[in-house]
């Protein structure tokens, strides 16, 4: 899949994160970047876990910027069930600074 689908995280970074994880015995880091399609379609519980791990537990190569989290949040807001995603939206808001982006 292309970089856009992965919120701008290049394939080389995703591969590097996977390679890092394969060399680690004791340190477990998230190596999975959600796709825009997953953010738009996955069930609430699975999606919460996926985004939380991406934001707070990722290998260095794939840690999302505030802009990338804001883009994921924007995708969440397009979902038909957006009104039921308060915890997930709050998770994103907490990472991006309560919705106040610095630019």
PDB file of N, CA and C in Angstrom:
ATOM      1  N   UNK A   1       0.844  -1.186   0.000  1.00  0.00           N
ATOM      2  CA  UNK A   1       0.000   0.000   0.000  1.00  0.00           C
ATOM      3  C   UNK A   1       0.885   1.244   0.000  1.00  0.00           C
ATOM      4  N   UNK A   2       0.313   2.322  -0.440  1.00  0.00           N
ATOM      5  CA  UNK A   2       1.103   3.535  -0.563  1.00  0.00           C
ATOM      6  C   UNK A   2       1.236   4.276   0.761  1.00  0.00           C
ATOM      7  N   UNK A   3       2.129   5.234   0.793  1.00  0.00           N
ATOM      8  CA  UNK A   3       2.401   6.010   1.992  1.00  0.00           C
ATOM      9  C   UNK A   3       1.161   6.756   2.477  1.00  0.00           C
ATOM     10  N   UNK A   4       0.344   7.273   1.569  1.00  0.00           N
ATOM     11  CA  UNK A   4      -0.865   7.999   1.956  1.00  0.00           C
ATOM     12  C   UNK A   4      -1.763   7.133   2.827  1.00  0.00           C
ATOM     13  N   UNK A   5      -1.944   5.883   2.445  1.00  0.00           N
ATOM     14  CA  UNK A   5      -2.826   4.966   3.182  1.00  0.00           C
ATOM     15  C   UNK A   5      -2.327   4.763   4.613  1.00  0.00           C
ATOM     16  N   UNK A   6      -1.027   4.910   4.834  1.00  0.00           N
ATOM     17  CA  UNK A   6      -0.413   4.746   6.152  1.00  0.00           C
ATOM     18  C   UNK A   6      -0.104   6.090   6.811  1.00  0.00           C
ATOM     19  N   UNK A   7      -0.889   7.089   6.527  1.00  0.00           N
ATOM     20  CA  UNK A   7      -0.759   8.421   7.126  1.00  0.00           C
ATOM     21  C   UNK A   7       0.631   9.012   6.936  1.00  0.00           C
ATOM     22  N   UNK A   8       1.226   8.731   5.781  1.00  0.00           N
ATOM     23  CA  UNK A   8       2.507   9.340   5.438  1.00  0.00           C
ATOM     24  C   UNK A   8       3.732   8.626   5.971  1.00  0.00           C
ATOM     25  N   UNK A   9       3.562   7.503   6.646  1.00  0.00           N
ATOM     26  CA  UNK A   9       4.717   6.767   7.152  1.00  0.00           C
ATOM     27  C   UNK A   9       5.246   5.885   6.018  1.00  0.00           C
ATOM     28  N   UNK A  10       6.481   6.138   5.592  1.00  0.00           N
ATOM     29  CA  UNK A  10       7.033   5.429   4.436  1.00  0.00           C
ATOM     30  C   UNK A  10       7.214   3.925   4.684  1.00  0.00           C
ATOM     31  N   UNK A  11       7.189   3.179   3.614  1.00  0.00           N
ATOM     32  CA  UNK A  11       7.403   1.741   3.678  1.00  0.00           C
ATOM     33  C   UNK A  11       8.738   1.431   4.345  1.00  0.00           C
ATOM     34  N   UNK A  12       9.765   2.206   4.038  1.00  0.00           N
ATOM     35  CA  UNK A  12      11.081   1.954   4.626  1.00  0.00           C
ATOM     36  C   UNK A  12      11.046   2.037   6.152  1.00  0.00           C
ATOM     37  N   UNK A  13      10.260   2.947   6.700  1.00  0.00           N
ATOM     38  CA  UNK A  13      10.123   3.052   8.154  1.00  0.00           C
ATOM     39  C   UNK A  13       9.381   1.844   8.718  1.00  0.00           C
ATOM     40  N   UNK A  14       8.340   1.409   8.021  1.00  0.00           N
ATOM     41  CA  UNK A  14       7.571   0.252   8.488  1.00  0.00           C
ATOM     42  C   UNK A  14       8.433  -1.010   8.454  1.00  0.00           C
ATOM     43  N   UNK A  15       9.233  -1.161   7.417  1.00  0.00           N
ATOM     44  CA  UNK A  15      10.130  -2.313   7.310  1.00  0.00           C
ATOM     45  C   UNK A  15      11.195  -2.232   8.404  1.00  0.00           C
ATOM     46  N   UNK A  16      11.756  -1.065   8.614  1.00  0.00           N
ATOM     47  CA  UNK A  16      12.783  -0.889   9.637  1.00  0.00           C
ATOM     48  C   UNK A  16      12.239  -1.216  11.027  1.00  0.00           C
ATOM     49  N   UNK A  17      11.010  -0.815  11.312  1.00  0.00           N
ATOM     50  CA  UNK A  17      10.386  -1.135  12.602  1.00  0.00           C
ATOM     51  C   UNK A  17      10.238  -2.642  12.761  1.00  0.00           C
ATOM     52  N   UNK A  18       9.838  -3.321  11.703  1.00  0.00           N
ATOM     53  CA  UNK A  18       9.703  -4.780  11.741  1.00  0.00           C
ATOM     54  C   UNK A  18      11.049  -5.452  11.964  1.00  0.00           C
ATOM     55  N   UNK A  19      12.078  -4.955  11.309  1.00  0.00           N
ATOM     56  CA  UNK A  19      13.417  -5.516  11.475  1.00  0.00           C
ATOM     57  C   UNK A  19      13.923  -5.302  12.898  1.00  0.00           C
ATOM     58  N   UNK A  20      13.664  -4.122  13.454  1.00  0.00           N
ATOM     59  CA  UNK A  20      14.037  -3.837  14.836  1.00  0.00           C
ATOM     60  C   UNK A  20      13.368  -4.831  15.774  1.00  0.00           C
ATOM     61  N   UNK A  21      12.089  -5.024  15.601  1.00  0.00           N
ATOM     62  CA  UNK A  21      11.338  -5.924  16.485  1.00  0.00           C
ATOM     63  C   UNK A  21      11.842  -7.354  16.391  1.00  0.00           C
ATOM     64  N   UNK A  22      12.255  -7.776  15.214  1.00  0.00           N
ATOM     65  CA  UNK A  22      12.725  -9.149  15.049  1.00  0.00           C
ATOM     66  C   UNK A  22      14.066  -9.381  15.747  1.00  0.00           C
ATOM     67  N   UNK A  23      14.826  -8.325  16.024  1.00  0.00           N
ATOM     68  CA  UNK A  23      16.118  -8.443  16.695  1.00  0.00           C
ATOM     69  C   UNK A  23      16.009  -8.332  18.217  1.00  0.00           C
ATOM     70  N   UNK A  24      14.833  -7.976  18.726  1.00  0.00           N
ATOM     71  CA  UNK A  24      14.665  -7.751  20.158  1.00  0.00           C
ATOM     72  C   UNK A  24      14.182  -9.010  20.862  1.00  0.00           C
ATOM     73  N   UNK A  25      14.797  -9.304  21.991  1.00  0.00           N
ATOM     74  CA  UNK A  25      14.361 -10.442  22.787  1.00  0.00           C
ATOM     75  C   UNK A  25      13.363 -10.030  23.855  1.00  0.00           C
ATOM     76  N   UNK A  26      13.627  -8.907  24.508  1.00  0.00           N
ATOM     77  CA  UNK A  26      12.795  -8.534  25.644  1.00  0.00           C
ATOM     78  C   UNK A  26      11.917  -7.311  25.399  1.00  0.00           C
ATOM     79  N   UNK A  27      12.315  -6.429  24.519  1.00  0.00           N
ATOM     80  CA  UNK A  27      11.545  -5.206  24.279  1.00  0.00           C
ATOM     81  C   UNK A  27      10.502  -5.462  23.199  1.00  0.00           C
ATOM     82  N   UNK A  28       9.261  -5.279  23.559  1.00  0.00           N
ATOM     83  CA  UNK A  28       8.185  -5.471  22.585  1.00  0.00           C
ATOM     84  C   UNK A  28       7.630  -4.093  22.222  1.00  0.00           C
ATOM     85  N   UNK A  29       7.709  -3.761  20.967  1.00  0.00           N
ATOM     86  CA  UNK A  29       7.208  -2.478  20.486  1.00  0.00           C
ATOM     87  C   UNK A  29       6.195  -2.726  19.385  1.00  0.00           C
ATOM     88  N   UNK A  30       5.233  -1.840  19.298  1.00  0.00           N
ATOM     89  CA  UNK A  30       4.260  -1.921  18.216  1.00  0.00           C
ATOM     90  C   UNK A  30       4.967  -1.674  16.893  1.00  0.00           C
ATOM     91  N   UNK A  31       4.664  -2.486  15.908  1.00  0.00           N
ATOM     92  CA  UNK A  31       5.258  -2.299  14.579  1.00  0.00           C
ATOM     93  C   UNK A  31       4.174  -2.152  13.518  1.00  0.00           C
ATOM     94  N   UNK A  32       2.954  -1.937  13.954  1.00  0.00           N
ATOM     95  CA  UNK A  32       1.833  -1.857  13.021  1.00  0.00           C
ATOM     96  C   UNK A  32       1.281  -0.442  12.951  1.00  0.00           C
ATOM     97  N   UNK A  33       1.218   0.094  11.748  1.00  0.00           N
ATOM     98  CA  UNK A  33       0.616   1.402  11.498  1.00  0.00           C
ATOM     99  C   UNK A  33      -0.787   1.151  10.947  1.00  0.00           C
ATOM    100  N   UNK A  34      -1.804   1.768  11.543  1.00  0.00           N
ATOM    101  CA  UNK A  34      -3.143   1.571  10.982  1.00  0.00           C
ATOM    102  C   UNK A  34      -3.248   2.227   9.610  1.00  0.00           C
ATOM    103  N   UNK A  35      -4.072   1.652   8.773  1.00  0.00           N
ATOM    104  CA  UNK A  35      -4.324   2.271   7.476  1.00  0.00           C
ATOM    105  C   UNK A  35      -5.548   3.168   7.583  1.00  0.00           C
ATOM    106  N   UNK A  36      -5.698   4.049   6.640  1.00  0.00           N
ATOM    107  CA  UNK A  36      -6.895   4.896   6.610  1.00  0.00           C
ATOM    108  C   UNK A  36      -8.153   4.033   6.498  1.00  0.00           C
ATOM    109  N   UNK A  37      -8.059   2.955   5.735  1.00  0.00           N
ATOM    110  CA  UNK A  37      -9.205   2.054   5.575  1.00  0.00           C
ATOM    111  C   UNK A  37      -9.571   1.410   6.909  1.00  0.00           C
ATOM    112  N   UNK A  38      -8.570   0.970   7.661  1.00  0.00           N
ATOM    113  CA  UNK A  38      -8.845   0.380   8.972  1.00  0.00           C
ATOM    114  C   UNK A  38      -9.481   1.393   9.913  1.00  0.00           C
ATOM    115  N   UNK A  39      -8.953   2.602   9.932  1.00  0.00           N
ATOM    116  CA  UNK A  39      -9.512   3.648  10.801  1.00  0.00           C
ATOM    117  C   UNK A  39     -10.966   3.932  10.420  1.00  0.00           C
ATOM    118  N   UNK A  40     -11.266   3.817   9.155  1.00  0.00           N
ATOM    119  CA  UNK A  40     -12.630   4.090   8.682  1.00  0.00           C
ATOM    120  C   UNK A  40     -13.599   2.930   8.909  1.00  0.00           C
ATOM    121  N   UNK A  41     -13.076   1.695   9.110  1.00  0.00           N
ATOM    122  CA  UNK A  41     -13.981   0.550   9.099  1.00  0.00           C
ATOM    123  C   UNK A  41     -13.891  -0.412  10.284  1.00  0.00           C
ATOM    124  N   UNK A  42     -12.795  -0.454  11.002  1.00  0.00           N
ATOM    125  CA  UNK A  42     -12.651  -1.440  12.076  1.00  0.00           C
ATOM    126  C   UNK A  42     -13.641  -1.197  13.212  1.00  0.00           C
ATOM    127  N   UNK A  43     -13.918  -2.250  13.956  1.00  0.00           N
ATOM    128  CA  UNK A  43     -14.762  -2.136  15.139  1.00  0.00           C
ATOM    129  C   UNK A  43     -14.095  -1.269  16.193  1.00  0.00           C
ATOM    130  N   UNK A  44     -14.896  -0.691  17.061  1.00  0.00           N
ATOM    131  CA  UNK A  44     -14.423   0.282  18.033  1.00  0.00           C
ATOM    132  C   UNK A  44     -13.324  -0.253  18.944  1.00  0.00           C
ATOM    133  N   UNK A  45     -13.521  -1.419  19.532  1.00  0.00           N
ATOM    134  CA  UNK A  45     -12.532  -1.951  20.472  1.00  0.00           C
ATOM    135  C   UNK A  45     -11.201  -2.264  19.797  1.00  0.00           C
ATOM    136  N   UNK A  46     -11.273  -2.938  18.669  1.00  0.00           N
ATOM    137  CA  UNK A  46     -10.054  -3.268  17.938  1.00  0.00           C
ATOM    138  C   UNK A  46      -9.326  -2.004  17.489  1.00  0.00           C
ATOM    139  N   UNK A  47     -10.082  -1.034  17.020  1.00  0.00           N
ATOM    140  CA  UNK A  47      -9.494   0.214  16.547  1.00  0.00           C
ATOM    141  C   UNK A  47      -8.859   0.998  17.691  1.00  0.00           C
ATOM    142  N   UNK A  48      -9.518   1.033  18.850  1.00  0.00           N
ATOM    143  CA  UNK A  48      -8.953   1.738  20.003  1.00  0.00           C
ATOM    144  C   UNK A  48      -7.592   1.143  20.351  1.00  0.00           C
ATOM    145  N   UNK A  49      -7.519  -0.179  20.426  1.00  0.00           N
ATOM    146  CA  UNK A  49      -6.249  -0.845  20.745  1.00  0.00           C
ATOM    147  C   UNK A  49      -5.187  -0.545  19.698  1.00  0.00           C
ATOM    148  N   UNK A  50      -5.562  -0.590  18.443  1.00  0.00           N
ATOM    149  CA  UNK A  50      -4.620  -0.341  17.358  1.00  0.00           C
ATOM    150  C   UNK A  50      -4.071   1.082  17.412  1.00  0.00           C
ATOM    151  N   UNK A  51      -4.940   2.050  17.576  1.00  0.00           N
ATOM    152  CA  UNK A  51      -4.488   3.445  17.603  1.00  0.00           C
ATOM    153  C   UNK A  51      -3.710   3.743  18.878  1.00  0.00           C
ATOM    154  N   UNK A  52      -4.153   3.213  20.002  1.00  0.00           N
ATOM    155  CA  UNK A  52      -3.428   3.439  21.253  1.00  0.00           C
ATOM    156  C   UNK A  52      -2.006   2.883  21.167  1.00  0.00           C
ATOM    157  N   UNK A  53      -1.862   1.679  20.628  1.00  0.00           N
ATOM    158  CA  UNK A  53      -0.521   1.095  20.475  1.00  0.00           C
ATOM    159  C   UNK A  53       0.321   1.919  19.498  1.00  0.00           C
ATOM    160  N   UNK A  54      -0.283   2.400  18.428  1.00  0.00           N
ATOM    161  CA  UNK A  54       0.451   3.208  17.450  1.00  0.00           C
ATOM    162  C   UNK A  54       0.961   4.497  18.095  1.00  0.00           C
ATOM    163  N   UNK A  55       0.105   5.148  18.871  1.00  0.00           N
ATOM    164  CA  UNK A  55       0.480   6.425  19.485  1.00  0.00           C
ATOM    165  C   UNK A  55       1.506   6.241  20.604  1.00  0.00           C
ATOM    166  N   UNK A  56       1.280   5.290  21.487  1.00  0.00           N
ATOM    167  CA  UNK A  56       2.054   5.217  22.722  1.00  0.00           C
ATOM    168  C   UNK A  56       3.085   4.089  22.816  1.00  0.00           C
ATOM    169  N   UNK A  57       3.052   3.111  21.927  1.00  0.00           N
ATOM    170  CA  UNK A  57       3.929   1.968  22.097  1.00  0.00           C
ATOM    171  C   UNK A  57       4.686   1.575  20.824  1.00  0.00           C
ATOM    172  N   UNK A  58       4.792   2.463  19.873  1.00  0.00           N
ATOM    173  CA  UNK A  58       5.414   2.123  18.594  1.00  0.00           C
ATOM    174  C   UNK A  58       6.935   2.173  18.632  1.00  0.00           C
ATOM    175  N   UNK A  59       7.515   1.357  17.756  1.00  0.00           N
ATOM    176  CA  UNK A  59       8.945   1.474  17.495  1.00  0.00           C
ATOM    177  C   UNK A  59       9.207   2.887  16.991  1.00  0.00           C
ATOM    178  N   UNK A  60      10.368   3.387  17.264  1.00  0.00           N
ATOM    179  CA  UNK A  60      10.721   4.771  16.933  1.00  0.00           C
ATOM    180  C   UNK A  60      10.425   5.132  15.481  1.00  0.00           C
ATOM    181  N   UNK A  61      10.660   4.212  14.580  1.00  0.00           N
ATOM    182  CA  UNK A  61      10.523   4.490  13.153  1.00  0.00           C
ATOM    183  C   UNK A  61       9.093   4.824  12.724  1.00  0.00           C
ATOM    184  N   UNK A  62       8.118   4.441  13.528  1.00  0.00           N
ATOM    185  CA  UNK A  62       6.723   4.643  13.108  1.00  0.00           C
ATOM    186  C   UNK A  62       5.898   5.446  14.106  1.00  0.00           C
ATOM    187  N   UNK A  63       6.531   6.072  15.084  1.00  0.00           N
ATOM    188  CA  UNK A  63       5.782   6.899  16.033  1.00  0.00           C
ATOM    189  C   UNK A  63       5.096   8.015  15.245  1.00  0.00           C
ATOM    190  N   UNK A  64       3.784   8.169  15.430  1.00  0.00           N
ATOM    191  CA  UNK A  64       3.087   9.191  14.645  1.00  0.00           C
ATOM    192  C   UNK A  64       3.312  10.602  15.190  1.00  0.00           C
ATOM    193  N   UNK A  65       3.355  11.534  14.274  1.00  0.00           N
ATOM    194  CA  UNK A  65       3.409  12.945  14.661  1.00  0.00           C
ATOM    195  C   UNK A  65       2.005  13.391  15.070  1.00  0.00           C
ATOM    196  N   UNK A  66       1.918  14.567  15.636  1.00  0.00           N
ATOM    197  CA  UNK A  66       0.594  15.100  15.981  1.00  0.00           C
ATOM    198  C   UNK A  66      -0.253  15.282  14.721  1.00  0.00           C
ATOM    199  N   UNK A  67       0.366  15.673  13.640  1.00  0.00           N
ATOM    200  CA  UNK A  67      -0.358  15.844  12.385  1.00  0.00           C
ATOM    201  C   UNK A  67      -0.938  14.511  11.919  1.00  0.00           C
ATOM    202  N   UNK A  68      -0.168  13.443  12.006  1.00  0.00           N
ATOM    203  CA  UNK A  68      -0.661  12.135  11.581  1.00  0.00           C
ATOM    204  C   UNK A  68      -1.810  11.659  12.456  1.00  0.00           C
ATOM    205  N   UNK A  69      -1.723  11.922  13.754  1.00  0.00           N
ATOM    206  CA  UNK A  69      -2.833  11.561  14.645  1.00  0.00           C
ATOM    207  C   UNK A  69      -4.062  12.416  14.314  1.00  0.00           C
ATOM    208  N   UNK A  70      -3.847  13.685  14.012  1.00  0.00           N
ATOM    209  CA  UNK A  70      -4.962  14.553  13.629  1.00  0.00           C
ATOM    210  C   UNK A  70      -5.617  14.064  12.339  1.00  0.00           C
ATOM    211  N   UNK A  71      -4.821  13.559  11.406  1.00  0.00           N
ATOM    212  CA  UNK A  71      -5.382  13.004  10.172  1.00  0.00           C
ATOM    213  C   UNK A  71      -6.206  11.755  10.464  1.00  0.00           C
ATOM    214  N   UNK A  72      -5.721  10.898  11.367  1.00  0.00           N
ATOM    215  CA  UNK A  72      -6.494   9.715  11.753  1.00  0.00           C
ATOM    216  C   UNK A  72      -7.795  10.141  12.416  1.00  0.00           C
ATOM    217  N   UNK A  73      -7.724  11.173  13.254  1.00  0.00           N
ATOM    218  CA  UNK A  73      -8.924  11.699  13.909  1.00  0.00           C
ATOM    219  C   UNK A  73      -9.926  12.201  12.874  1.00  0.00           C
ATOM    220  N   UNK A  74      -9.434  12.870  11.855  1.00  0.00           N
ATOM    221  CA  UNK A  74     -10.314  13.359  10.786  1.00  0.00           C
ATOM    222  C   UNK A  74     -11.033  12.198  10.096  1.00  0.00           C
ATOM    223  N   UNK A  75     -10.317  11.099   9.888  1.00  0.00           N
ATOM    224  CA  UNK A  75     -10.954   9.920   9.287  1.00  0.00           C
ATOM    225  C   UNK A  75     -12.029   9.383  10.235  1.00  0.00           C
ATOM    226  N   UNK A  76     -11.738   9.347  11.528  1.00  0.00           N
ATOM    227  CA  UNK A  76     -12.731   8.878  12.505  1.00  0.00           C
ATOM    228  C   UNK A  76     -14.013   9.701  12.422  1.00  0.00           C
ATOM    229  N   UNK A  77     -13.863  10.991  12.227  1.00  0.00           N
ATOM    230  CA  UNK A  77     -15.029  11.876  12.187  1.00  0.00           C
ATOM    231  C   UNK A  77     -15.904  11.656  10.957  1.00  0.00           C
ATOM    232  N   UNK A  78     -15.375  10.979   9.951  1.00  0.00           N
ATOM    233  CA  UNK A  78     -16.171  10.697   8.748  1.00  0.00           C
ATOM    234  C   UNK A  78     -17.007   9.431   8.890  1.00  0.00           C
ATOM    235  N   UNK A  79     -16.761   8.664   9.940  1.00  0.00           N
ATOM    236  CA  UNK A  79     -17.491   7.415  10.140  1.00  0.00           C
ATOM    237  C   UNK A  79     -18.942   7.681  10.519  1.00  0.00           C
ATOM    238  N   UNK A  80     -19.810   6.793  10.109  1.00  0.00           N
ATOM    239  CA  UNK A  80     -21.236   6.919  10.454  1.00  0.00           C
ATOM    240  C   UNK A  80     -21.447   6.834  11.963  1.00  0.00           C
ATOM    241  N   UNK A  81     -20.571   6.108  12.662  1.00  0.00           N
ATOM    242  CA  UNK A  81     -20.703   5.944  14.108  1.00  0.00           C
ATOM    243  C   UNK A  81     -19.794   6.905  14.892  1.00  0.00           C
ATOM    244  N   UNK A  82     -19.399   7.999  14.291  1.00  0.00           N
ATOM    245  CA  UNK A  82     -18.477   8.942  14.925  1.00  0.00           C
ATOM    246  C   UNK A  82     -18.970   9.417  16.286  1.00  0.00           C
ATOM    247  N   UNK A  83     -20.262   9.541  16.460  1.00  0.00           N
ATOM    248  CA  UNK A  83     -20.799  10.021  17.740  1.00  0.00           C
ATOM    249  C   UNK A  83     -20.571   9.022  18.872  1.00  0.00           C
ATOM    250  N   UNK A  84     -20.251   7.776  18.541  1.00  0.00           N
ATOM    251  CA  UNK A  84     -20.008   6.757  19.565  1.00  0.00           C
ATOM    252  C   UNK A  84     -18.521   6.543  19.831  1.00  0.00           C
ATOM    253  N   UNK A  85     -17.685   7.327  19.211  1.00  0.00           N
ATOM    254  CA  UNK A  85     -16.236   7.139  19.316  1.00  0.00           C
ATOM    255  C   UNK A  85     -15.577   8.132  20.268  1.00  0.00           C
ATOM    256  N   UNK A  86     -16.282   8.554  21.294  1.00  0.00           N
ATOM    257  CA  UNK A  86     -15.767   9.592  22.194  1.00  0.00           C
ATOM    258  C   UNK A  86     -14.425   9.221  22.819  1.00  0.00           C
ATOM    259  N   UNK A  87     -14.279   7.993  23.301  1.00  0.00           N
ATOM    260  CA  UNK A  87     -13.014   7.581  23.927  1.00  0.00           C
ATOM    261  C   UNK A  87     -11.866   7.597  22.926  1.00  0.00           C
ATOM    262  N   UNK A  88     -12.142   7.166  21.729  1.00  0.00           N
ATOM    263  CA  UNK A  88     -11.116   7.135  20.689  1.00  0.00           C
ATOM    264  C   UNK A  88     -10.747   8.550  20.252  1.00  0.00           C
ATOM    265  N   UNK A  89     -11.735   9.398  20.092  1.00  0.00           N
ATOM    266  CA  UNK A  89     -11.465  10.789  19.732  1.00  0.00           C
ATOM    267  C   UNK A  89     -10.687  11.487  20.850  1.00  0.00           C
ATOM    268  N   UNK A  90     -11.019  11.162  22.104  1.00  0.00           N
ATOM    269  CA  UNK A  90     -10.297  11.750  23.236  1.00  0.00           C
ATOM    270  C   UNK A  90      -8.850  11.295  23.258  1.00  0.00           C
ATOM    271  N   UNK A  91      -8.617  10.034  22.932  1.00  0.00           N
ATOM    272  CA  UNK A  91      -7.255   9.518  22.835  1.00  0.00           C
ATOM    273  C   UNK A  91      -6.449  10.336  21.830  1.00  0.00           C
ATOM    274  N   UNK A  92      -7.044  10.591  20.690  1.00  0.00           N
ATOM    275  CA  UNK A  92      -6.377  11.400  19.658  1.00  0.00           C
ATOM    276  C   UNK A  92      -6.184  12.832  20.135  1.00  0.00           C
ATOM    277  N   UNK A  93      -7.216  13.412  20.749  1.00  0.00           N
ATOM    278  CA  UNK A  93      -7.113  14.789  21.253  1.00  0.00           C
ATOM    279  C   UNK A  93      -5.999  14.928  22.278  1.00  0.00           C
ATOM    280  N   UNK A  94      -5.874  13.932  23.152  1.00  0.00           N
ATOM    281  CA  UNK A  94      -4.823  13.980  24.163  1.00  0.00           C
ATOM    282  C   UNK A  94      -3.446  13.994  23.513  1.00  0.00           C
ATOM    283  N   UNK A  95      -3.268  13.243  22.454  1.00  0.00           N
ATOM    284  CA  UNK A  95      -1.974  13.185  21.770  1.00  0.00           C
ATOM    285  C   UNK A  95      -1.670  14.465  20.997  1.00  0.00           C
ATOM    286  N   UNK A  96      -2.695  15.056  20.428  1.00  0.00           N
ATOM    287  CA  UNK A  96      -2.431  16.255  19.621  1.00  0.00           C
ATOM    288  C   UNK A  96      -2.525  17.530  20.442  1.00  0.00           C
ATOM    289  N   UNK A  97      -2.737  17.405  21.734  1.00  0.00           N
ATOM    290  CA  UNK A  97      -2.743  18.590  22.602  1.00  0.00           C
ATOM    291  C   UNK A  97      -4.112  19.213  22.717  1.00  0.00           C
ATOM    292  N   UNK A  98      -5.114  18.408  23.007  1.00  0.00           N
ATOM    293  CA  UNK A  98      -6.486  18.884  23.213  1.00  0.00           C
ATOM    294  C   UNK A  98      -7.056  19.579  21.976  1.00  0.00           C
ATOM    295  N   UNK A  99      -6.613  19.137  20.821  1.00  0.00           N
ATOM    296  CA  UNK A  99      -7.149  19.692  19.589  1.00  0.00           C
ATOM    297  C   UNK A  99      -6.521  20.998  19.162  1.00  0.00           C
ATOM    298  N   UNK A 100      -5.528  21.458  19.913  1.00  0.00           N
ATOM    299  CA  UNK A 100      -4.865  22.724  19.567  1.00  0.00           C
ATOM    300  C   UNK A 100      -3.547  22.419  18.900  1.00  0.00           C
ATOM    301  N   UNK A 101      -3.534  22.416  17.623  1.00  0.00           N
ATOM    302  CA  UNK A 101      -2.317  22.161  16.872  1.00  0.00           C
ATOM    303  C   UNK A 101      -1.464  23.424  16.848  1.00  0.00           C
ATOM    304  N   UNK A 102      -0.144  23.265  16.875  1.00  0.00           N
ATOM    305  CA  UNK A 102       0.748  24.423  16.990  1.00  0.00           C
ATOM    306  C   UNK A 102       0.900  25.253  15.716  1.00  0.00           C
ATOM    307  N   UNK A 103       0.250  24.907  14.645  1.00  0.00           N
ATOM    308  CA  UNK A 103       0.422  25.681  13.418  1.00  0.00           C
ATOM    309  C   UNK A 103      -0.806  26.388  13.020  1.00  0.00           C
TER     310      UNK A 103
END
